Amino acid sequence: MADVMTMILFGRFFGTKDQHYEQFLKDCFDNVTDPAISSQVNALMFVPLLRHIPWFGNALSVHQNIHFRLKDFCRKEIEEHKKTLNVNEPRDYVDAFLIEMKNHSPRDSWFHEENLVNCLVDIYTAGTDAPTNVVLWAIVTLLHQPNLQHLLFHEINNKTSKLKTR
């Protein structure tokens, strides 16, 4: 799913050898699911005053550092897009947003670079984390439900055999 989101947002695949992208992916998942900080960060969303308690403050600091790294990655991508932007042929979400930025006044517009950065982080995180969790929970469920494994196996076999006969 991450590759699909990468193509939609940034218009390209990074590949597994790109260390900056690999760190970006890790940060996307850690930002939401890191067990060392996720429960504290969730609590902070409801009771912000907890940030003054060291256990919560440390978790918030880690969460913010991850978030800043995500934003930095997106800013670098935006700068690369600015260099090669063709307003007549947008390649992806970043290009479309940059074109809208050019079409609106910077003073009274929602279309500005900080919003683009925030949108990229939000869309990427939501677009990669949620589907991954659905698949992981499906696997966990299937591990604990052998009868469902059997039914799913037969359904997949039936569908593939019907596709082969077409």
Protein backbone atom coordinates (compact mmCIF):
# COMPACT_ATOMS: atom_id res chain seq x y z
CA MET A 1 0.00 0.00 0.00
CA ALA A 2 2.90 2.33 0.70
CA ASP A 3 4.02 2.16 -2.94
CA VAL A 4 0.55 3.11 -4.12
CA MET A 5 0.44 6.11 -1.78
CA THR A 6 3.96 7.10 -2.85
CA MET A 7 2.94 7.05 -6.51
CA ILE A 8 -0.22 9.09 -5.89
CA LEU A 9 1.44 11.71 -3.70
CA PHE A 10 4.99 11.92 -5.07
CA GLY A 11 4.60 10.43 -8.55
CA ARG A 12 7.39 7.89 -8.22
CA PHE A 13 8.59 4.78 -6.46
CA PHE A 14 11.56 5.16 -4.17
CA GLY A 15 12.70 1.56 -3.94
CA THR A 16 14.04 -0.35 -1.00
CA LYS A 17 17.58 0.98 -1.29
CA ASP A 18 16.57 4.59 -0.59
CA GLN A 19 17.52 5.03 3.08
CA HIS A 20 15.63 8.32 3.46
CA TYR A 21 12.44 6.73 2.17
CA GLU A 22 12.93 3.65 4.35
CA GLN A 23 13.27 5.94 7.40
CA PHE A 24 10.16 7.85 6.25
CA LEU A 25 8.19 4.58 6.10
CA LYS A 26 9.43 3.51 9.52
CA ASP A 27 8.51 6.91 10.94
CA CYS A 28 5.02 6.70 9.41
CA PHE A 29 4.32 3.49 11.27
CA ASP A 30 6.14 4.49 14.46
CA ASN A 31 4.23 7.77 14.57
CA VAL A 32 0.98 5.84 15.01
CA THR A 33 1.83 2.39 16.35
CA ASP A 34 5.06 2.55 18.38
CA PRO A 35 4.08 0.67 21.54
CA ALA A 36 6.62 2.63 23.58
CA ILE A 37 4.73 5.90 23.07
CA SER A 38 1.33 5.30 21.46
CA SER A 39 -0.74 4.92 24.65
CA GLN A 40 0.79 8.04 26.20
CA VAL A 41 0.31 10.10 23.03
CA ASN A 42 -3.31 8.94 22.80
CA ALA A 43 -3.87 10.00 26.41
CA LEU A 44 -2.26 13.38 25.70
CA MET A 45 -4.80 14.05 22.96
CA PHE A 46 -7.55 13.96 25.57
CA VAL A 47 -5.67 15.42 28.54
CA PRO A 48 -2.92 17.76 27.26
CA LEU A 49 -1.86 18.74 30.78
CA LEU A 50 -0.31 15.28 31.16
CA ARG A 51 2.63 16.56 29.08
CA HIS A 52 4.05 17.99 32.31
CA ILE A 53 4.47 14.48 33.73
CA PRO A 54 7.87 13.16 32.58
CA TRP A 55 6.56 9.79 31.30
CA PHE A 56 4.08 11.56 29.05
CA GLY A 57 6.44 14.42 28.20
CA ASN A 58 9.10 11.99 26.98
CA ALA A 59 6.57 10.18 24.78
CA LEU A 60 5.39 13.51 23.36
CA SER A 61 8.98 14.50 22.58
CA VAL A 62 9.61 11.23 20.70
CA HIS A 63 6.30 11.62 18.83
CA GLN A 64 7.13 15.21 17.85
CA ASN A 65 10.62 14.25 16.64
CA ILE A 66 9.12 11.55 14.42
CA HIS A 67 6.54 14.00 13.11
CA PHE A 68 9.23 16.61 12.34
CA ARG A 69 11.24 14.01 10.38
CA LEU A 70 8.13 13.13 8.35
CA LYS A 71 7.59 16.80 7.55
CA ASP A 72 11.25 17.27 6.58
CA PHE A 73 11.03 14.37 4.12
CA CYS A 74 7.93 15.91 2.54
CA ARG A 75 9.55 19.34 2.33
CA LYS A 76 12.51 17.86 0.42
CA GLU A 77 10.12 16.18 -2.01
CA ILE A 78 8.23 19.44 -2.50
CA GLU A 79 11.49 21.26 -3.29
CA GLU A 80 12.35 18.61 -5.89
CA HIS A 81 8.89 18.97 -7.43
CA LYS A 82 9.25 22.75 -7.63
CA LYS A 83 12.37 22.33 -9.76
CA THR A 84 10.60 20.17 -12.35
CA LEU A 85 7.03 21.46 -12.14
CA ASN A 86 5.12 21.71 -15.41
CA VAL A 87 1.83 23.53 -14.75
CA ASN A 88 0.31 21.97 -17.88
CA GLU A 89 1.08 18.38 -16.87
CA PRO A 90 0.73 17.64 -13.15
CA ARG A 91 2.29 14.29 -12.27
CA ASP A 92 0.86 13.77 -8.82
CA TYR A 93 -0.76 15.31 -5.75
CA VAL A 94 2.25 17.52 -4.98
CA ASP A 95 2.23 19.00 -8.48
CA ALA A 96 -1.53 19.62 -8.36
CA PHE A 97 -1.20 21.37 -5.01
CA LEU A 98 1.74 23.48 -6.20
CA ILE A 99 -0.28 24.54 -9.24
CA GLU A 100 -3.18 25.56 -6.97
CA MET A 101 -0.70 27.53 -4.86
CA LYS A 102 0.31 29.48 -7.97
CA ASN A 103 -3.36 30.17 -8.80
CA HIS A 104 -4.23 31.62 -5.39
CA SER A 105 -3.01 34.60 -3.43
CA PRO A 106 -0.59 33.57 -0.66
CA ARG A 107 -2.22 35.89 1.88
CA ASP A 108 -5.78 34.65 1.74
CA SER A 109 -5.47 31.06 0.62
CA TRP A 110 -5.62 27.64 2.11
CA PHE A 111 -3.12 26.62 -0.57
CA HIS A 112 0.26 27.23 1.01
CA GLU A 113 3.30 25.07 1.54
CA GLU A 114 2.78 24.27 5.22
CA ASN A 115 -0.70 22.92 4.42
CA LEU A 116 0.80 20.83 1.63
CA VAL A 117 3.36 19.36 4.03
CA ASN A 118 0.67 18.58 6.62
CA CYS A 119 -1.63 17.06 3.99
CA LEU A 120 1.16 14.83 2.70
CA VAL A 121 2.01 13.54 6.17
CA ASP A 122 -1.65 12.98 7.07
CA ILE A 123 -2.62 11.30 3.80
CA TYR A 124 0.48 9.12 3.70
CA THR A 125 0.19 8.02 7.31
CA ALA A 126 -3.52 7.26 7.05
CA GLY A 127 -3.20 5.67 3.62
CA THR A 128 -0.47 3.25 4.67
CA ASP A 129 -1.24 2.53 8.30
CA ALA A 130 -4.95 1.71 8.12
CA PRO A 131 -4.82 -0.82 5.24
CA THR A 132 -1.77 -2.48 6.77
CA ASN A 133 -3.59 -2.88 10.07
CA VAL A 134 -6.62 -4.36 8.32
CA VAL A 135 -4.43 -7.00 6.67
CA LEU A 136 -2.58 -7.73 9.93
CA TRP A 137 -5.83 -8.13 11.86
CA ALA A 138 -7.20 -10.39 9.12
CA ILE A 139 -4.12 -12.59 9.46
CA VAL A 140 -4.44 -12.68 13.26
CA THR A 141 -8.12 -13.58 12.95
CA LEU A 142 -7.35 -16.33 10.46
CA LEU A 143 -4.63 -17.73 12.73
CA HIS A 144 -7.18 -18.15 15.50
CA GLN A 145 -10.03 -19.36 13.29
CA PRO A 146 -8.97 -22.48 11.33
CA ASN A 147 -12.51 -22.92 9.99
CA LEU A 148 -12.33 -19.45 8.40
CA GLN A 149 -8.94 -20.34 6.92
CA HIS A 150 -10.53 -23.38 5.29
CA LEU A 151 -13.47 -21.37 3.90
CA LEU A 152 -11.21 -18.61 2.61
CA PHE A 153 -8.88 -21.12 1.00
CA HIS A 154 -11.76 -22.75 -0.89
CA GLU A 155 -13.23 -19.41 -1.95
CA ILE A 156 -9.89 -18.23 -3.33
CA ASN A 157 -9.43 -21.54 -5.18
CA ASN A 158 -12.92 -21.30 -6.68
CA LYS A 159 -12.36 -17.71 -7.83
CA THR A 160 -8.97 -18.45 -9.38
CA SER A 161 -10.25 -21.55 -11.15
CA LYS A 162 -13.13 -19.50 -12.63
CA LEU A 163 -10.67 -16.85 -13.80
CA LYS A 164 -8.48 -19.49 -15.49
CA THR A 165 -11.45 -20.88 -17.44
CA ARG A 166 -12.34 -17.51 -18.96
